[in-house]
Amino acid sequence: TEMGLGEIDSMSPVNIQKEDMDAYMKEKQRTKQFNILERDNEHEKDREEKEDEILEMIKNGDDPNQEAFGPWGECTIKVDRVQKVERGGTTVRYRALVIGGNGNGAAGFGIGKALSPNEAIVKACKHCKRNVFYVDRYLNTGLSYDLAGKHNSCKVQLRAVRPDYGLHGHPLICEILKYAGITDATSKSHGNRNPYNVVYATFKALMTHESLEEIALKRGKKLLNLQRARRLGI
């Protein structure tokens, strides 16, 4: 058939190629929302393609066991040489006690056993980083009230004092409190003052500590400071 002036041949190869291109672009737009690599939303893309945080910390040289703010520090308290008598003979091993903390409300302790002292200390340090306890401090330096803890025949008492008082009492207990970020307290131990018993009893006492907000919430009261209470005339 003959075509008039100004008419377009819809069956020409150019138009067929243009229709195929339009269909391809529509299909691409439709499947784009299911393709992670071509999404416009960068936040969703980052969230789904994010690498493992633990592996990233290990690559950067950071400690993946860091669970709270602040640099983590550790201290070896004691390394013992222990023996176990078996049918084949006597087995000699070493046992290490380590305490640690970040000085910002997190502290822990660990015990490790190995065939050499260095391996025992390394195991104890790993256990210490996994065995972390958190303390809600009063004014970020002290205790809200007196605490007490007992392990076997060892009793530990932690007394709350005024701010800027310092740490006084048993050296090992003061070291634990320092790692926990408590700088104002008085400690006293009674009974068998074995390092293991003292550490266990101290952490048992710290686990009974509650902040003023938690106490007020349990009692169903509203917490007010003295200055505001005086202004309100309470």
C-alpha atoms as a PDB file:
ATOM      1  CA  THR A   1       0.000   0.000   0.000  1.00  0.00           C
ATOM      2  CA  GLU A   2       1.118   3.505  -0.699  1.00  0.00           C
ATOM      3  CA  MET A   3       1.673   5.931   2.201  1.00  0.00           C
ATOM      4  CA  GLY A   4       0.677   9.528   2.195  1.00  0.00           C
ATOM      5  CA  LEU A   5       2.831  12.502   3.104  1.00  0.00           C
ATOM      6  CA  GLY A   6       3.404  12.833   6.865  1.00  0.00           C
ATOM      7  CA  GLU A   7       2.344   9.270   7.713  1.00  0.00           C
ATOM      8  CA  ILE A   8       4.614   7.020   9.810  1.00  0.00           C
ATOM      9  CA  ASP A   9       5.161   3.399   9.075  1.00  0.00           C
ATOM     10  CA  SER A  10       4.557   1.592  12.376  1.00  0.00           C
ATOM     11  CA  MET A  11       5.961  -1.654  11.017  1.00  0.00           C
ATOM     12  CA  SER A  12       9.340  -0.223  10.061  1.00  0.00           C
ATOM     13  CA  PRO A  13      12.474  -1.702  11.705  1.00  0.00           C
ATOM     14  CA  VAL A  14      13.117   1.596  13.535  1.00  0.00           C
ATOM     15  CA  ASN A  15       9.726   1.573  15.283  1.00  0.00           C
ATOM     16  CA  ILE A  16       9.979  -2.127  16.153  1.00  0.00           C
ATOM     17  CA  GLN A  17      13.359  -1.485  17.788  1.00  0.00           C
ATOM     18  CA  LYS A  18      11.903   1.482  19.704  1.00  0.00           C
ATOM     19  CA  GLU A  19       9.015  -0.651  21.054  1.00  0.00           C
ATOM     20  CA  ASP A  20      11.431  -3.332  22.178  1.00  0.00           C
ATOM     21  CA  MET A  21      13.539  -0.709  23.947  1.00  0.00           C
ATOM     22  CA  ASP A  22      10.460   0.704  25.752  1.00  0.00           C
ATOM     23  CA  ALA A  23       9.427  -2.779  26.883  1.00  0.00           C
ATOM     24  CA  TYR A  24      12.957  -3.454  28.102  1.00  0.00           C
ATOM     25  CA  MET A  25      13.026  -0.214  30.126  1.00  0.00           C
ATOM     26  CA  LYS A  26       9.623  -0.973  31.699  1.00  0.00           C
ATOM     27  CA  GLU A  27      10.765  -4.451  32.658  1.00  0.00           C
ATOM     28  CA  LYS A  28      13.955  -2.995  34.108  1.00  0.00           C
ATOM     29  CA  GLN A  29      12.004  -0.477  36.186  1.00  0.00           C
ATOM     30  CA  ARG A  30       9.683  -3.233  37.419  1.00  0.00           C
ATOM     31  CA  THR A  31      12.500  -5.548  38.490  1.00  0.00           C
ATOM     32  CA  LYS A  32      14.637  -2.736  39.894  1.00  0.00           C
ATOM     33  CA  GLN A  33      12.860  -2.801  43.259  1.00  0.00           C
ATOM     34  CA  PHE A  34      13.811  -6.452  43.684  1.00  0.00           C
ATOM     35  CA  ASN A  35      17.442  -5.927  42.714  1.00  0.00           C
ATOM     36  CA  ILE A  36      19.526  -4.920  45.736  1.00  0.00           C
ATOM     37  CA  LEU A  37      22.465  -3.638  43.677  1.00  0.00           C
ATOM     38  CA  GLU A  38      20.393  -1.083  41.730  1.00  0.00           C
ATOM     39  CA  ARG A  39      18.210   0.417  44.434  1.00  0.00           C
ATOM     40  CA  ASP A  40      17.966   4.157  44.775  1.00  0.00           C
ATOM     41  CA  ASN A  41      17.490   3.942  48.533  1.00  0.00           C
ATOM     42  CA  GLU A  42      21.076   3.843  49.785  1.00  0.00           C
ATOM     43  CA  HIS A  43      20.025   3.202  53.378  1.00  0.00           C
ATOM     44  CA  GLU A  44      18.271  -0.051  52.501  1.00  0.00           C
ATOM     45  CA  LYS A  45      21.185  -1.039  50.299  1.00  0.00           C
ATOM     46  CA  ASP A  46      23.702  -0.433  53.087  1.00  0.00           C
ATOM     47  CA  ARG A  47      21.553  -2.304  55.576  1.00  0.00           C
ATOM     48  CA  GLU A  48      21.264  -5.417  53.418  1.00  0.00           C
ATOM     49  CA  GLU A  49      24.859  -5.408  52.125  1.00  0.00           C
ATOM     50  CA  LYS A  50      26.504  -4.503  55.433  1.00  0.00           C
ATOM     51  CA  GLU A  51      29.474  -6.659  56.365  1.00  0.00           C
ATOM     52  CA  ASP A  52      29.709  -8.509  59.627  1.00  0.00           C
ATOM     53  CA  GLU A  53      30.506  -5.995  62.370  1.00  0.00           C
ATOM     54  CA  ILE A  54      32.631  -8.476  64.329  1.00  0.00           C
ATOM     55  CA  LEU A  55      34.800  -9.242  61.294  1.00  0.00           C
ATOM     56  CA  GLU A  56      35.115  -5.521  60.593  1.00  0.00           C
ATOM     57  CA  MET A  57      36.270  -4.876  64.191  1.00  0.00           C
ATOM     58  CA  ILE A  58      38.837  -7.675  63.940  1.00  0.00           C
ATOM     59  CA  LYS A  59      40.182  -6.221  60.657  1.00  0.00           C
ATOM     60  CA  ASN A  60      40.537  -2.793  62.280  1.00  0.00           C
ATOM     61  CA  GLY A  61      42.327  -4.264  65.289  1.00  0.00           C
ATOM     62  CA  ASP A  62      39.475  -3.546  67.733  1.00  0.00           C
ATOM     63  CA  ASP A  63      38.316  -5.909  70.447  1.00  0.00           C
ATOM     64  CA  PRO A  64      34.923  -7.482  69.501  1.00  0.00           C
ATOM     65  CA  ASN A  65      34.307  -8.316  73.167  1.00  0.00           C
ATOM     66  CA  GLN A  66      34.161  -4.626  74.082  1.00  0.00           C
ATOM     67  CA  GLU A  67      30.587  -4.376  75.422  1.00  0.00           C
ATOM     68  CA  ALA A  68      30.568  -0.916  76.986  1.00  0.00           C
ATOM     69  CA  PHE A  69      32.090   2.520  76.529  1.00  0.00           C
ATOM     70  CA  GLY A  70      35.659   3.016  77.668  1.00  0.00           C
ATOM     71  CA  PRO A  71      38.995   1.223  77.206  1.00  0.00           C
ATOM     72  CA  TRP A  72      39.070  -2.245  78.710  1.00  0.00           C
ATOM     73  CA  GLY A  73      41.770  -3.008  81.289  1.00  0.00           C
ATOM     74  CA  GLU A  74      42.776  -6.222  83.049  1.00  0.00           C
ATOM     75  CA  CYS A  75      44.851  -7.246  86.043  1.00  0.00           C
ATOM     76  CA  THR A  76      46.190 -10.675  87.003  1.00  0.00           C
ATOM     77  CA  ILE A  77      45.458 -11.343  90.663  1.00  0.00           C
ATOM     78  CA  LYS A  78      46.965 -14.764  91.240  1.00  0.00           C
ATOM     79  CA  VAL A  79      48.541 -17.696  89.367  1.00  0.00           C
ATOM     80  CA  ASP A  80      48.555 -21.048  91.196  1.00  0.00           C
ATOM     81  CA  ARG A  81      50.263 -24.336  90.425  1.00  0.00           C
ATOM     82  CA  VAL A  82      47.766 -27.157  90.932  1.00  0.00           C
ATOM     83  CA  GLN A  83      48.287 -30.912  90.846  1.00  0.00           C
ATOM     84  CA  LYS A  84      45.908 -33.743  90.140  1.00  0.00           C
ATOM     85  CA  VAL A  85      46.854 -37.318  91.043  1.00  0.00           C
ATOM     86  CA  GLU A  86      45.580 -39.863  88.529  1.00  0.00           C
ATOM     87  CA  ARG A  87      46.172 -43.516  87.838  1.00  0.00           C
ATOM     88  CA  GLY A  88      48.865 -42.744  85.266  1.00  0.00           C
ATOM     89  CA  GLY A  89      50.647 -40.227  87.488  1.00  0.00           C
ATOM     90  CA  THR A  90      50.442 -36.630  88.630  1.00  0.00           C
ATOM     91  CA  THR A  91      49.174 -33.958  86.253  1.00  0.00           C
ATOM     92  CA  VAL A  92      50.532 -30.444  86.852  1.00  0.00           C
ATOM     93  CA  ARG A  93      48.488 -27.472  85.621  1.00  0.00           C
ATOM     94  CA  TYR A  94      48.275 -23.762  86.309  1.00  0.00           C
ATOM     95  CA  ARG A  95      45.256 -21.712  87.364  1.00  0.00           C
ATOM     96  CA  ALA A  96      44.976 -17.921  86.887  1.00  0.00           C
ATOM     97  CA  LEU A  97      42.552 -15.373  88.340  1.00  0.00           C
ATOM     98  CA  VAL A  98      42.024 -12.152  86.359  1.00  0.00           C
ATOM     99  CA  ILE A  99      39.792  -9.120  86.960  1.00  0.00           C
ATOM    100  CA  GLY A 100      39.016  -6.419  84.440  1.00  0.00           C
ATOM    101  CA  GLY A 101      36.771  -3.495  83.624  1.00  0.00           C
ATOM    102  CA  ASN A 102      36.412  -0.296  81.650  1.00  0.00           C
ATOM    103  CA  GLY A 103      36.109   2.166  84.548  1.00  0.00           C
ATOM    104  CA  ASN A 104      32.639   3.157  83.353  1.00  0.00           C
ATOM    105  CA  GLY A 105      30.235   0.819  85.138  1.00  0.00           C
ATOM    106  CA  ALA A 106      31.331  -2.529  83.651  1.00  0.00           C
ATOM    107  CA  ALA A 107      33.630  -5.048  85.344  1.00  0.00           C
ATOM    108  CA  GLY A 108      34.197  -8.781  85.363  1.00  0.00           C
ATOM    109  CA  PHE A 109      36.458 -11.594  86.450  1.00  0.00           C
ATOM    110  CA  GLY A 110      37.719 -14.788  84.863  1.00  0.00           C
ATOM    111  CA  ILE A 111      39.439 -18.034  85.823  1.00  0.00           C
ATOM    112  CA  GLY A 112      41.565 -20.069  83.406  1.00  0.00           C
ATOM    113  CA  LYS A 113      43.460 -23.348  83.617  1.00  0.00           C
ATOM    114  CA  ALA A 114      46.191 -24.554  81.268  1.00  0.00           C
ATOM    115  CA  LEU A 115      49.481 -26.431  81.131  1.00  0.00           C
ATOM    116  CA  SER A 116      51.509 -23.202  81.300  1.00  0.00           C
ATOM    117  CA  PRO A 117      51.040 -19.950  83.246  1.00  0.00           C
ATOM    118  CA  ASN A 118      50.832 -17.768  80.122  1.00  0.00           C
ATOM    119  CA  GLU A 119      48.133 -19.927  78.539  1.00  0.00           C
ATOM    120  CA  ALA A 120      46.184 -19.891  81.806  1.00  0.00           C
ATOM    121  CA  ILE A 121      46.309 -16.076  81.916  1.00  0.00           C
ATOM    122  CA  VAL A 122      45.141 -15.835  78.286  1.00  0.00           C
ATOM    123  CA  LYS A 123      42.199 -18.154  79.009  1.00  0.00           C
ATOM    124  CA  ALA A 124      41.316 -16.191  82.131  1.00  0.00           C
ATOM    125  CA  CYS A 125      41.348 -12.917  80.156  1.00  0.00           C
ATOM    126  CA  LYS A 126      38.975 -14.370  77.560  1.00  0.00           C
ATOM    127  CA  HIS A 127      36.660 -15.601  80.300  1.00  0.00           C
ATOM    128  CA  CYS A 128      36.811 -12.194  81.982  1.00  0.00           C
ATOM    129  CA  LYS A 129      35.614 -10.419  78.821  1.00  0.00           C
ATOM    130  CA  ARG A 130      32.674 -12.820  78.533  1.00  0.00           C
ATOM    131  CA  ASN A 131      31.801 -12.656  82.238  1.00  0.00           C
ATOM    132  CA  VAL A 132      30.917  -8.938  82.503  1.00  0.00           C
ATOM    133  CA  PHE A 133      28.732  -7.338  85.199  1.00  0.00           C
ATOM    134  CA  TYR A 134      27.186  -3.870  84.982  1.00  0.00           C
ATOM    135  CA  VAL A 135      26.716  -1.496  87.923  1.00  0.00           C
ATOM    136  CA  ASP A 136      24.486   1.589  87.892  1.00  0.00           C
ATOM    137  CA  ARG A 137      26.604   3.987  89.957  1.00  0.00           C
ATOM    138  CA  TYR A 138      25.394   6.896  92.068  1.00  0.00           C
ATOM    139  CA  LEU A 139      26.588  10.169  90.481  1.00  0.00           C
ATOM    140  CA  ASN A 140      28.920   7.997  88.342  1.00  0.00           C
ATOM    141  CA  THR A 141      31.340   7.639  91.261  1.00  0.00           C
ATOM    142  CA  GLY A 142      29.766   5.912  94.262  1.00  0.00           C
ATOM    143  CA  LEU A 143      27.065   3.658  95.680  1.00  0.00           C
ATOM    144  CA  SER A 144      23.471   4.471  96.530  1.00  0.00           C
ATOM    145  CA  TYR A 145      23.508   2.510  99.805  1.00  0.00           C
ATOM    146  CA  ASP A 146      25.549  -0.091 101.723  1.00  0.00           C
ATOM    147  CA  LEU A 147      25.989  -3.510 100.118  1.00  0.00           C
ATOM    148  CA  ALA A 148      26.898  -6.942 101.456  1.00  0.00           C
ATOM    149  CA  GLY A 149      27.915 -10.179  99.776  1.00  0.00           C
ATOM    150  CA  LYS A 150      28.924 -13.631 100.973  1.00  0.00           C
ATOM    151  CA  HIS A 151      30.737 -16.545  99.353  1.00  0.00           C
ATOM    152  CA  ASN A 152      31.601 -19.610 101.429  1.00  0.00           C
ATOM    153  CA  SER A 153      32.944 -18.211 104.721  1.00  0.00           C
ATOM    154  CA  CYS A 154      33.973 -14.811 103.297  1.00  0.00           C
ATOM    155  CA  LYS A 155      31.743 -11.804 103.915  1.00  0.00           C
ATOM    156  CA  VAL A 156      32.279  -8.491 102.108  1.00  0.00           C
ATOM    157  CA  GLN A 157      30.709  -5.167 103.057  1.00  0.00           C
ATOM    158  CA  LEU A 158      30.667  -2.128 100.760  1.00  0.00           C
ATOM    159  CA  ARG A 159      29.674   1.139 102.415  1.00  0.00           C
ATOM    160  CA  ALA A 160      28.409   4.211 100.625  1.00  0.00           C
ATOM    161  CA  VAL A 161      30.270   7.446 101.421  1.00  0.00           C
ATOM    162  CA  ARG A 162      30.111  11.096 100.397  1.00  0.00           C
ATOM    163  CA  PRO A 163      31.477  12.202  96.994  1.00  0.00           C
ATOM    164  CA  ASP A 164      35.246  12.737  96.625  1.00  0.00           C
ATOM    165  CA  TYR A 165      35.909  10.465  99.600  1.00  0.00           C
ATOM    166  CA  GLY A 166      38.045   7.917  97.735  1.00  0.00           C
ATOM    167  CA  LEU A 167      38.502   4.176  98.087  1.00  0.00           C
ATOM    168  CA  HIS A 168      39.472   2.701 101.446  1.00  0.00           C
ATOM    169  CA  GLY A 169      39.648  -0.825 102.792  1.00  0.00           C
ATOM    170  CA  HIS A 170      40.664  -4.178 101.331  1.00  0.00           C
ATOM    171  CA  PRO A 171      43.170  -3.643  98.455  1.00  0.00           C
ATOM    172  CA  LEU A 172      41.662  -6.339  96.215  1.00  0.00           C
ATOM    173  CA  ILE A 173      38.117  -5.036  96.703  1.00  0.00           C
ATOM    174  CA  CYS A 174      39.292  -1.482  95.983  1.00  0.00           C
ATOM    175  CA  GLU A 175      40.921  -2.716  92.769  1.00  0.00           C
ATOM    176  CA  ILE A 176      37.648  -4.338  91.642  1.00  0.00           C
ATOM    177  CA  LEU A 177      35.691  -1.180  92.454  1.00  0.00           C
ATOM    178  CA  LYS A 178      38.205   0.919  90.535  1.00  0.00           C
ATOM    179  CA  TYR A 179      37.754  -1.225  87.419  1.00  0.00           C
ATOM    180  CA  ALA A 180      33.969  -0.877  87.830  1.00  0.00           C
ATOM    181  CA  GLY A 181      34.270   2.913  87.896  1.00  0.00           C
ATOM    182  CA  ILE A 182      33.398   3.303  91.599  1.00  0.00           C
ATOM    183  CA  THR A 183      35.832   5.783  93.153  1.00  0.00           C
ATOM    184  CA  ASP A 184      34.016   6.613  96.423  1.00  0.00           C
ATOM    185  CA  ALA A 185      33.429   3.667  98.767  1.00  0.00           C
ATOM    186  CA  THR A 186      34.695   1.892 101.859  1.00  0.00           C
ATOM    187  CA  SER A 187      35.176  -1.882 101.861  1.00  0.00           C
ATOM    188  CA  LYS A 188      35.562  -4.444 104.608  1.00  0.00           C
ATOM    189  CA  SER A 189      36.019  -8.234 104.444  1.00  0.00           C
ATOM    190  CA  HIS A 190      35.456 -10.799 107.190  1.00  0.00           C
ATOM    191  CA  GLY A 191      36.235 -14.481 107.484  1.00  0.00           C
ATOM    192  CA  ASN A 192      38.354 -16.421 105.036  1.00  0.00           C
ATOM    193  CA  ARG A 193      39.986 -13.767 102.853  1.00  0.00           C
ATOM    194  CA  ASN A 194      41.061 -16.079 100.038  1.00  0.00           C
ATOM    195  CA  PRO A 195      41.374 -14.076  96.764  1.00  0.00           C
ATOM    196  CA  TYR A 196      38.824 -16.278  95.013  1.00  0.00           C
ATOM    197  CA  ASN A 197      36.299 -15.935  97.839  1.00  0.00           C
ATOM    198  CA  VAL A 198      36.852 -12.170  98.035  1.00  0.00           C
ATOM    199  CA  VAL A 199      36.294 -11.721  94.277  1.00  0.00           C
ATOM    200  CA  TYR A 200      33.139 -13.852  94.265  1.00  0.00           C
ATOM    201  CA  ALA A 201      31.714 -12.117  97.349  1.00  0.00           C
ATOM    202  CA  THR A 202      32.487  -8.641  95.961  1.00  0.00           C
ATOM    203  CA  PHE A 203      30.693  -9.255  92.680  1.00  0.00           C
ATOM    204  CA  LYS A 204      27.748 -10.815  94.529  1.00  0.00           C
ATOM    205  CA  ALA A 205      27.500  -7.610  96.567  1.00  0.00           C
ATOM    206  CA  LEU A 206      27.695  -5.402  93.459  1.00  0.00           C
ATOM    207  CA  MET A 207      24.900  -7.390  91.787  1.00  0.00           C
ATOM    208  CA  THR A 208      22.509  -6.415  94.580  1.00  0.00           C
ATOM    209  CA  HIS A 209      22.999  -2.701  93.873  1.00  0.00           C
ATOM    210  CA  GLU A 210      20.042  -0.717  92.494  1.00  0.00           C
ATOM    211  CA  SER A 211      19.863   2.875  91.353  1.00  0.00           C
ATOM    212  CA  LEU A 212      17.559   5.438  92.954  1.00  0.00           C
ATOM    213  CA  GLU A 213      15.334   5.375  89.874  1.00  0.00           C
ATOM    214  CA  GLU A 214      14.854   1.603  90.120  1.00  0.00           C
ATOM    215  CA  ILE A 215      14.015   1.829  93.828  1.00  0.00           C
ATOM    216  CA  ALA A 216      11.497   4.627  93.225  1.00  0.00           C
ATOM    217  CA  LEU A 217       9.906   2.637  90.394  1.00  0.00           C
ATOM    218  CA  LYS A 218       9.496  -0.442  92.606  1.00  0.00           C
ATOM    219  CA  ARG A 219       7.925   1.603  95.397  1.00  0.00           C
ATOM    220  CA  GLY A 220       5.660   3.506  93.019  1.00  0.00           C
ATOM    221  CA  LYS A 221       7.098   6.856  94.086  1.00  0.00           C
ATOM    222  CA  LYS A 222       8.303   9.839  92.121  1.00  0.00           C
ATOM    223  CA  LEU A 223      11.973  10.681  92.553  1.00  0.00           C
ATOM    224  CA  LEU A 224      12.714  14.316  93.501  1.00  0.00           C
ATOM    225  CA  ASN A 225      15.980  15.904  94.499  1.00  0.00           C
ATOM    226  CA  LEU A 226      16.192  18.005  97.650  1.00  0.00           C
ATOM    227  CA  GLN A 227      16.460  21.344  95.840  1.00  0.00           C
ATOM    228  CA  ARG A 228      13.289  20.805  93.844  1.00  0.00           C
ATOM    229  CA  ALA A 229      11.459  19.463  96.913  1.00  0.00           C
ATOM    230  CA  ARG A 230      12.326  22.638  98.828  1.00  0.00           C
ATOM    231  CA  ARG A 231      11.073  24.783  95.956  1.00  0.00           C
ATOM    232  CA  LEU A 232       7.798  22.888  95.869  1.00  0.00           C
ATOM    233  CA  GLY A 233       7.510  23.060  99.650  1.00  0.00           C
ATOM    234  CA  ILE A 234       7.340  19.306 100.140  1.00  0.00           C
END
